Amino acid sequence: MIAVLQRANAAAVRVEGSVVGEIGRGLLILLGVSGEDGREDAERLAAKITKCRIFKDAEDKMNLSLLDVEGEALVVSNFTLLADYHHGNRPNYLAAAAPEQAEVLYEYFVELLKKEVKKVATGEFGADMKISLEADGPVTIVMDSNVLKSKKGAATHEAAH
């Protein structure tokens, strides 16, 4: 599972001209689900995102999390994050989960965030969406649940030895 986090002053997503989700200060989260992802990937990513210290404190240091600033989240599904662009000039999306699997994990991820974050808005899964963003910074972070998994495994391995 891949997430692109964009720190936002405001963000909105429209489908056919109508706003379906919008937030104030917080994170715009583009979320891509691979065919190999499961619930534990969503859990790992949601936990990391809510605690990631990328908001400024009183001393202008990025030292506060989404939870610390009582920020909001706008989650938008985005299968193109799983693009394979290694061969030729037209990316393929074979690594992306089938829509049925992706939607279930996307919804699960959103539910996990709703347990922690004061406001969670979404786009419309599978729709042609138009996103507007007033970026703050800009601060953009890419997270991959597989990297989080391997880091946790490496830390566990190191602690055992």
Foldseek 3Di string as FASTA:
>chain_A
DKKKWWFFQKKFKDFPRHTQWIFGGDIEIEDFAFQPDDLVLLVLVLVCQQAPQQDQDPVRDSGGGCLRVLGEYEYEYDLCVQWDCPPDHDTDRNRTHDLVVGVVNSVSSQVSNVVRHVYYTYDDRPGDMDMDGDTDVGDMDMDGSVVVVVVVVVVVVVVVD
